[in-house]
Amino acid sequence: MTAFAEELRHRVEAARRSLAEARRDGDEYLVRVRVGELEELARTAAVNGIDVPGLAGELAAHREADVVDLPDDGSVG
């Protein structure tokens, strides 16, 4: 494994730990920051051909959980 791949995986793990803490603490802002960080790391990994097991599924699950139902008439609130 290259040093770049190792560092990328290390950053993914750090972001995952911070995301879990943010969820546990109910810090929605930090949750969104960490998800954004993981999305960027996933893009970087894909562009460089680096496999990060479970990351794509984890992000997909988060996106599904983040869907907000809007009223049929398109109004909000």
PDB file of N, CA and C in Angstrom:
ATOM      1  N   MET A   1       0.855  -1.176   0.000  1.00  0.00           N
ATOM      2  CA  MET A   1       0.000   0.000   0.000  1.00  0.00           C
ATOM      3  C   MET A   1       0.901   1.240   0.000  1.00  0.00           C
ATOM      4  N   THR A   2       0.519   2.205  -0.813  1.00  0.00           N
ATOM      5  CA  THR A   2       1.302   3.434  -0.873  1.00  0.00           C
ATOM      6  C   THR A   2       1.035   4.290   0.361  1.00  0.00           C
ATOM      7  N   ALA A   3       1.942   5.217   0.602  1.00  0.00           N
ATOM      8  CA  ALA A   3       1.769   6.131   1.734  1.00  0.00           C
ATOM      9  C   ALA A   3       0.506   6.971   1.552  1.00  0.00           C
ATOM     10  N   PHE A   4       0.211   7.341   0.302  1.00  0.00           N
ATOM     11  CA  PHE A   4      -0.991   8.127   0.024  1.00  0.00           C
ATOM     12  C   PHE A   4      -2.246   7.344   0.390  1.00  0.00           C
ATOM     13  N   ALA A   5      -2.310   6.092  -0.039  1.00  0.00           N
ATOM     14  CA  ALA A   5      -3.469   5.246   0.265  1.00  0.00           C
ATOM     15  C   ALA A   5      -3.600   5.038   1.765  1.00  0.00           C
ATOM     16  N   GLU A   6      -2.495   4.823   2.425  1.00  0.00           N
ATOM     17  CA  GLU A   6      -2.516   4.630   3.880  1.00  0.00           C
ATOM     18  C   GLU A   6      -3.022   5.879   4.594  1.00  0.00           C
ATOM     19  N   GLU A   7      -2.568   7.046   4.165  1.00  0.00           N
ATOM     20  CA  GLU A   7      -3.014   8.303   4.774  1.00  0.00           C
ATOM     21  C   GLU A   7      -4.498   8.535   4.506  1.00  0.00           C
ATOM     22  N   LEU A   8      -4.940   8.244   3.291  1.00  0.00           N
ATOM     23  CA  LEU A   8      -6.347   8.421   2.955  1.00  0.00           C
ATOM     24  C   LEU A   8      -7.212   7.531   3.839  1.00  0.00           C
ATOM     25  N   ARG A   9      -6.840   6.288   3.996  1.00  0.00           N
ATOM     26  CA  ARG A   9      -7.610   5.375   4.848  1.00  0.00           C
ATOM     27  C   ARG A   9      -7.572   5.825   6.305  1.00  0.00           C
ATOM     28  N   HIS A  10      -6.454   6.358   6.736  1.00  0.00           N
ATOM     29  CA  HIS A  10      -6.357   6.881   8.104  1.00  0.00           C
ATOM     30  C   HIS A  10      -7.333   8.050   8.286  1.00  0.00           C
ATOM     31  N   ARG A  11      -7.403   8.938   7.298  1.00  0.00           N
ATOM     32  CA  ARG A  11      -8.328  10.075   7.379  1.00  0.00           C
ATOM     33  C   ARG A  11      -9.779   9.612   7.361  1.00  0.00           C
ATOM     34  N   VAL A  12     -10.081   8.582   6.579  1.00  0.00           N
ATOM     35  CA  VAL A  12     -11.439   8.035   6.556  1.00  0.00           C
ATOM     36  C   VAL A  12     -11.807   7.509   7.941  1.00  0.00           C
ATOM     37  N   GLU A  13     -10.919   6.761   8.550  1.00  0.00           N
ATOM     38  CA  GLU A  13     -11.204   6.202   9.877  1.00  0.00           C
ATOM     39  C   GLU A  13     -11.387   7.306  10.918  1.00  0.00           C
ATOM     40  N   ALA A  14     -10.574   8.351  10.854  1.00  0.00           N
ATOM     41  CA  ALA A  14     -10.708   9.471  11.787  1.00  0.00           C
ATOM     42  C   ALA A  14     -12.051  10.177  11.591  1.00  0.00           C
ATOM     43  N   ALA A  15     -12.451  10.370  10.331  1.00  0.00           N
ATOM     44  CA  ALA A  15     -13.737  11.013  10.042  1.00  0.00           C
ATOM     45  C   ALA A  15     -14.894  10.127  10.499  1.00  0.00           C
ATOM     46  N   ARG A  16     -14.758   8.824  10.317  1.00  0.00           N
ATOM     47  CA  ARG A  16     -15.806   7.895  10.776  1.00  0.00           C
ATOM     48  C   ARG A  16     -15.965   7.956  12.289  1.00  0.00           C
ATOM     49  N   ARG A  17     -14.857   7.994  13.008  1.00  0.00           N
ATOM     50  CA  ARG A  17     -14.929   8.078  14.476  1.00  0.00           C
ATOM     51  C   ARG A  17     -15.595   9.386  14.904  1.00  0.00           C
ATOM     52  N   SER A  18     -15.203  10.485  14.274  1.00  0.00           N
ATOM     53  CA  SER A  18     -15.780  11.781  14.612  1.00  0.00           C
ATOM     54  C   SER A  18     -17.266  11.824  14.258  1.00  0.00           C
ATOM     55  N   LEU A  19     -17.648  11.207  13.137  1.00  0.00           N
ATOM     56  CA  LEU A  19     -19.052  11.147  12.742  1.00  0.00           C
ATOM     57  C   LEU A  19     -19.858  10.368  13.776  1.00  0.00           C
ATOM     58  N   ALA A  20     -19.333   9.250  14.228  1.00  0.00           N
ATOM     59  CA  ALA A  20     -20.039   8.448  15.241  1.00  0.00           C
ATOM     60  C   ALA A  20     -20.222   9.251  16.529  1.00  0.00           C
ATOM     61  N   GLU A  21     -19.199  10.003  16.934  1.00  0.00           N
ATOM     62  CA  GLU A  21     -19.299  10.834  18.137  1.00  0.00           C
ATOM     63  C   GLU A  21     -20.338  11.935  17.944  1.00  0.00           C
ATOM     64  N   ALA A  22     -20.336  12.554  16.763  1.00  0.00           N
ATOM     65  CA  ALA A  22     -21.298  13.630  16.484  1.00  0.00           C
ATOM     66  C   ALA A  22     -22.723  13.097  16.524  1.00  0.00           C
ATOM     67  N   ARG A  23     -22.930  11.918  15.949  1.00  0.00           N
ATOM     68  CA  ARG A  23     -24.264  11.308  15.995  1.00  0.00           C
ATOM     69  C   ARG A  23     -24.670  11.011  17.424  1.00  0.00           C
ATOM     70  N   ARG A  24     -23.749  10.447  18.191  1.00  0.00           N
ATOM     71  CA  ARG A  24     -24.034  10.112  19.595  1.00  0.00           C
ATOM     72  C   ARG A  24     -24.397  11.367  20.387  1.00  0.00           C
ATOM     73  N   ASP A  25     -23.696  12.484  20.085  1.00  0.00           N
ATOM     74  CA  ASP A  25     -23.920  13.735  20.816  1.00  0.00           C
ATOM     75  C   ASP A  25     -25.084  14.553  20.258  1.00  0.00           C
ATOM     76  N   GLY A  26     -25.650  14.114  19.137  1.00  0.00           N
ATOM     77  CA  GLY A  26     -26.753  14.856  18.536  1.00  0.00           C
ATOM     78  C   GLY A  26     -26.319  16.150  17.861  1.00  0.00           C
ATOM     79  N   ASP A  27     -25.063  16.240  17.438  1.00  0.00           N
ATOM     80  CA  ASP A  27     -24.515  17.435  16.804  1.00  0.00           C
ATOM     81  C   ASP A  27     -24.719  17.345  15.290  1.00  0.00           C
ATOM     82  N   GLU A  28     -25.885  17.791  14.822  1.00  0.00           N
ATOM     83  CA  GLU A  28     -26.245  17.659  13.409  1.00  0.00           C
ATOM     84  C   GLU A  28     -25.294  18.428  12.496  1.00  0.00           C
ATOM     85  N   TYR A  29     -24.812  19.579  12.936  1.00  0.00           N
ATOM     86  CA  TYR A  29     -23.868  20.339  12.106  1.00  0.00           C
ATOM     87  C   TYR A  29     -22.599  19.525  11.871  1.00  0.00           C
ATOM     88  N   LEU A  30     -22.030  18.978  12.920  1.00  0.00           N
ATOM     89  CA  LEU A  30     -20.805  18.199  12.782  1.00  0.00           C
ATOM     90  C   LEU A  30     -21.058  16.920  11.981  1.00  0.00           C
ATOM     91  N   VAL A  31     -22.239  16.343  12.113  1.00  0.00           N
ATOM     92  CA  VAL A  31     -22.588  15.173  11.292  1.00  0.00           C
ATOM     93  C   VAL A  31     -22.476  15.542   9.818  1.00  0.00           C
ATOM     94  N   ARG A  32     -23.063  16.667   9.440  1.00  0.00           N
ATOM     95  CA  ARG A  32     -23.020  17.091   8.037  1.00  0.00           C
ATOM     96  C   ARG A  32     -21.599  17.407   7.575  1.00  0.00           C
ATOM     97  N   VAL A  33     -20.810  18.013   8.429  1.00  0.00           N
ATOM     98  CA  VAL A  33     -19.417  18.302   8.088  1.00  0.00           C
ATOM     99  C   VAL A  33     -18.660  16.998   7.834  1.00  0.00           C
ATOM    100  N   ARG A  34     -18.819  16.036   8.732  1.00  0.00           N
ATOM    101  CA  ARG A  34     -18.093  14.764   8.590  1.00  0.00           C
ATOM    102  C   ARG A  34     -18.573  13.962   7.388  1.00  0.00           C
ATOM    103  N   VAL A  35     -19.868  13.978   7.108  1.00  0.00           N
ATOM    104  CA  VAL A  35     -20.366  13.288   5.923  1.00  0.00           C
ATOM    105  C   VAL A  35     -19.771  13.935   4.674  1.00  0.00           C
ATOM    106  N   GLY A  36     -19.721  15.250   4.637  1.00  0.00           N
ATOM    107  CA  GLY A  36     -19.096  15.950   3.514  1.00  0.00           C
ATOM    108  C   GLY A  36     -17.631  15.579   3.366  1.00  0.00           C
ATOM    109  N   GLU A  37     -16.946  15.478   4.479  1.00  0.00           N
ATOM    110  CA  GLU A  37     -15.537  15.074   4.452  1.00  0.00           C
ATOM    111  C   GLU A  37     -15.400  13.658   3.896  1.00  0.00           C
ATOM    112  N   LEU A  38     -16.263  12.750   4.348  1.00  0.00           N
ATOM    113  CA  LEU A  38     -16.221  11.370   3.848  1.00  0.00           C
ATOM    114  C   LEU A  38     -16.555  11.303   2.362  1.00  0.00           C
ATOM    115  N   GLU A  39     -17.487  12.132   1.901  1.00  0.00           N
ATOM    116  CA  GLU A  39     -17.808  12.163   0.477  1.00  0.00           C
ATOM    117  C   GLU A  39     -16.593  12.610  -0.340  1.00  0.00           C
ATOM    118  N   GLU A  40     -15.902  13.615   0.127  1.00  0.00           N
ATOM    119  CA  GLU A  40     -14.711  14.089  -0.573  1.00  0.00           C
ATOM    120  C   GLU A  40     -13.605  13.040  -0.553  1.00  0.00           C
ATOM    121  N   LEU A  41     -13.427  12.381   0.565  1.00  0.00           N
ATOM    122  CA  LEU A  41     -12.425  11.316   0.646  1.00  0.00           C
ATOM    123  C   LEU A  41     -12.790  10.160  -0.278  1.00  0.00           C
ATOM    124  N   ALA A  42     -14.085   9.850  -0.403  1.00  0.00           N
ATOM    125  CA  ALA A  42     -14.534   8.795  -1.313  1.00  0.00           C
ATOM    126  C   ALA A  42     -14.228   9.169  -2.757  1.00  0.00           C
ATOM    127  N   ARG A  43     -14.456  10.435  -3.121  1.00  0.00           N
ATOM    128  CA  ARG A  43     -14.130  10.887  -4.472  1.00  0.00           C
ATOM    129  C   ARG A  43     -12.637  10.785  -4.739  1.00  0.00           C
ATOM    130  N   THR A  44     -11.839  11.203  -3.776  1.00  0.00           N
ATOM    131  CA  THR A  44     -10.380  11.140  -3.914  1.00  0.00           C
ATOM    132  C   THR A  44      -9.924   9.697  -4.067  1.00  0.00           C
ATOM    133  N   ALA A  45     -10.497   8.811  -3.270  1.00  0.00           N
ATOM    134  CA  ALA A  45     -10.141   7.398  -3.354  1.00  0.00           C
ATOM    135  C   ALA A  45     -10.502   6.845  -4.733  1.00  0.00           C
ATOM    136  N   ALA A  46     -11.692   7.160  -5.223  1.00  0.00           N
ATOM    137  CA  ALA A  46     -12.140   6.643  -6.517  1.00  0.00           C
ATOM    138  C   ALA A  46     -11.237   7.124  -7.652  1.00  0.00           C
ATOM    139  N   VAL A  47     -10.915   8.399  -7.634  1.00  0.00           N
ATOM    140  CA  VAL A  47     -10.065   8.971  -8.685  1.00  0.00           C
ATOM    141  C   VAL A  47      -8.685   8.307  -8.702  1.00  0.00           C
ATOM    142  N   ASN A  48      -8.221   7.911  -7.538  1.00  0.00           N
ATOM    143  CA  ASN A  48      -6.886   7.330  -7.425  1.00  0.00           C
ATOM    144  C   ASN A  48      -6.882   5.810  -7.352  1.00  0.00           C
ATOM    145  N   GLY A  49      -8.045   5.196  -7.566  1.00  0.00           N
ATOM    146  CA  GLY A  49      -8.121   3.744  -7.589  1.00  0.00           C
ATOM    147  C   GLY A  49      -7.843   3.082  -6.253  1.00  0.00           C
ATOM    148  N   ILE A  50      -8.227   3.738  -5.171  1.00  0.00           N
ATOM    149  CA  ILE A  50      -8.003   3.209  -3.821  1.00  0.00           C
ATOM    150  C   ILE A  50      -9.320   2.685  -3.279  1.00  0.00           C
ATOM    151  N   ASP A  51      -9.314   1.435  -2.842  1.00  0.00           N
ATOM    152  CA  ASP A  51     -10.510   0.822  -2.276  1.00  0.00           C
ATOM    153  C   ASP A  51     -10.584   1.138  -0.787  1.00  0.00           C
ATOM    154  N   VAL A  52     -11.720   1.676  -0.371  1.00  0.00           N
ATOM    155  CA  VAL A  52     -11.976   1.914   1.052  1.00  0.00           C
ATOM    156  C   VAL A  52     -13.226   1.114   1.393  1.00  0.00           C
ATOM    157  N   PRO A  53     -13.041  -0.083   1.940  1.00  0.00           N
ATOM    158  CA  PRO A  53     -14.174  -0.982   2.185  1.00  0.00           C
ATOM    159  C   PRO A  53     -15.296  -0.330   3.000  1.00  0.00           C
ATOM    160  N   GLY A  54     -16.514  -0.494   2.480  1.00  0.00           N
ATOM    161  CA  GLY A  54     -17.702  -0.055   3.195  1.00  0.00           C
ATOM    162  C   GLY A  54     -18.051   1.413   3.067  1.00  0.00           C
ATOM    163  N   LEU A  55     -17.163   2.215   2.506  1.00  0.00           N
ATOM    164  CA  LEU A  55     -17.409   3.659   2.496  1.00  0.00           C
ATOM    165  C   LEU A  55     -18.581   4.034   1.587  1.00  0.00           C
ATOM    166  N   ALA A  56     -18.646   3.473   0.402  1.00  0.00           N
ATOM    167  CA  ALA A  56     -19.742   3.812  -0.520  1.00  0.00           C
ATOM    168  C   ALA A  56     -21.094   3.439   0.088  1.00  0.00           C
ATOM    169  N   GLY A  57     -21.184   2.270   0.689  1.00  0.00           N
ATOM    170  CA  GLY A  57     -22.439   1.843   1.320  1.00  0.00           C
ATOM    171  C   GLY A  57     -22.808   2.711   2.503  1.00  0.00           C
ATOM    172  N   GLU A  58     -21.819   3.092   3.269  1.00  0.00           N
ATOM    173  CA  GLU A  58     -22.048   3.952   4.429  1.00  0.00           C
ATOM    174  C   GLU A  58     -22.619   5.306   3.989  1.00  0.00           C
ATOM    175  N   LEU A  59     -22.044   5.876   2.933  1.00  0.00           N
ATOM    176  CA  LEU A  59     -22.528   7.164   2.439  1.00  0.00           C
ATOM    177  C   LEU A  59     -23.921   7.036   1.832  1.00  0.00           C
ATOM    178  N   ALA A  60     -24.182   5.946   1.130  1.00  0.00           N
ATOM    179  CA  ALA A  60     -25.510   5.729   0.554  1.00  0.00           C
ATOM    180  C   ALA A  60     -26.553   5.612   1.656  1.00  0.00           C
ATOM    181  N   ALA A  61     -26.237   4.909   2.715  1.00  0.00           N
ATOM    182  CA  ALA A  61     -27.172   4.759   3.834  1.00  0.00           C
ATOM    183  C   ALA A  61     -27.445   6.109   4.485  1.00  0.00           C
ATOM    184  N   HIS A  62     -26.417   6.937   4.598  1.00  0.00           N
ATOM    185  CA  HIS A  62     -26.611   8.263   5.192  1.00  0.00           C
ATOM    186  C   HIS A  62     -27.507   9.118   4.306  1.00  0.00           C
ATOM    187  N   ARG A  63     -27.306   9.059   2.988  1.00  0.00           N
ATOM    188  CA  ARG A  63     -28.142   9.844   2.073  1.00  0.00           C
ATOM    189  C   ARG A  63     -29.596   9.404   2.166  1.00  0.00           C
ATOM    190  N   GLU A  64     -29.849   8.107   2.254  1.00  0.00           N
ATOM    191  CA  GLU A  64     -31.218   7.606   2.375  1.00  0.00           C
ATOM    192  C   GLU A  64     -31.867   8.086   3.667  1.00  0.00           C
ATOM    193  N   ALA A  65     -31.109   8.122   4.740  1.00  0.00           N
ATOM    194  CA  ALA A  65     -31.640   8.551   6.033  1.00  0.00           C
ATOM    195  C   ALA A  65     -31.878  10.057   6.076  1.00  0.00           C
ATOM    196  N   ASP A  66     -31.255  10.794   5.162  1.00  0.00           N
ATOM    197  CA  ASP A  66     -31.309  12.251   5.177  1.00  0.00           C
ATOM    198  C   ASP A  66     -32.398  12.803   4.260  1.00  0.00           C
ATOM    199  N   VAL A  67     -33.152  11.944   3.608  1.00  0.00           N
ATOM    200  CA  VAL A  67     -34.208  12.395   2.694  1.00  0.00           C
ATOM    201  C   VAL A  67     -35.342  13.022   3.503  1.00  0.00           C
ATOM    202  N   VAL A  68     -35.786  14.180   3.061  1.00  0.00           N
ATOM    203  CA  VAL A  68     -36.873  14.899   3.724  1.00  0.00           C
ATOM    204  C   VAL A  68     -38.092  14.843   2.824  1.00  0.00           C
ATOM    205  N   ASP A  69     -39.235  14.439   3.360  1.00  0.00           N
ATOM    206  CA  ASP A  69     -40.474  14.412   2.591  1.00  0.00           C
ATOM    207  C   ASP A  69     -41.046  15.821   2.515  1.00  0.00           C
ATOM    208  N   LEU A  70     -41.305  16.274   1.284  1.00  0.00           N
ATOM    209  CA  LEU A  70     -41.902  17.577   1.072  1.00  0.00           C
ATOM    210  C   LEU A  70     -43.382  17.397   0.792  1.00  0.00           C
ATOM    211  N   PRO A  71     -44.185  18.405   1.109  1.00  0.00           N
ATOM    212  CA  PRO A  71     -45.621  18.335   0.803  1.00  0.00           C
ATOM    213  C   PRO A  71     -45.831  18.173  -0.708  1.00  0.00           C
ATOM    214  N   ASP A  72     -46.931  17.527  -1.115  1.00  0.00           N
ATOM    215  CA  ASP A  72     -47.225  17.288  -2.520  1.00  0.00           C
ATOM    216  C   ASP A  72     -47.354  18.563  -3.333  1.00  0.00           C
ATOM    217  N   ASP A  73     -47.763  19.657  -2.695  1.00  0.00           N
ATOM    218  CA  ASP A  73     -47.957  20.898  -3.436  1.00  0.00           C
ATOM    219  C   ASP A  73     -46.664  21.682  -3.640  1.00  0.00           C
ATOM    220  N   GLY A  74     -45.555  21.155  -3.114  1.00  0.00           N
ATOM    221  CA  GLY A  74     -44.259  21.801  -3.296  1.00  0.00           C
ATOM    222  C   GLY A  74     -43.966  22.884  -2.286  1.00  0.00           C
ATOM    223  N   SER A  75     -44.916  23.201  -1.416  1.00  0.00           N
ATOM    224  CA  SER A  75     -44.680  24.225  -0.410  1.00  0.00           C
ATOM    225  C   SER A  75     -43.820  23.656   0.712  1.00  0.00           C
ATOM    226  N   VAL A  76     -43.128  24.529   1.374  1.00  0.00           N
ATOM    227  CA  VAL A  76     -42.290  24.124   2.501  1.00  0.00           C
ATOM    228  C   VAL A  76     -42.749  24.912   3.715  1.00  0.00           C
ATOM    229  N   GLY A  77     -42.951  24.202   4.820  1.00  0.00           N
ATOM    230  CA  GLY A  77     -43.290  24.848   6.078  1.00  0.00           C
ATOM    231  C   GLY A  77     -44.655  25.274   6.139  1.00  0.00           C
TER     232      GLY A  77
END
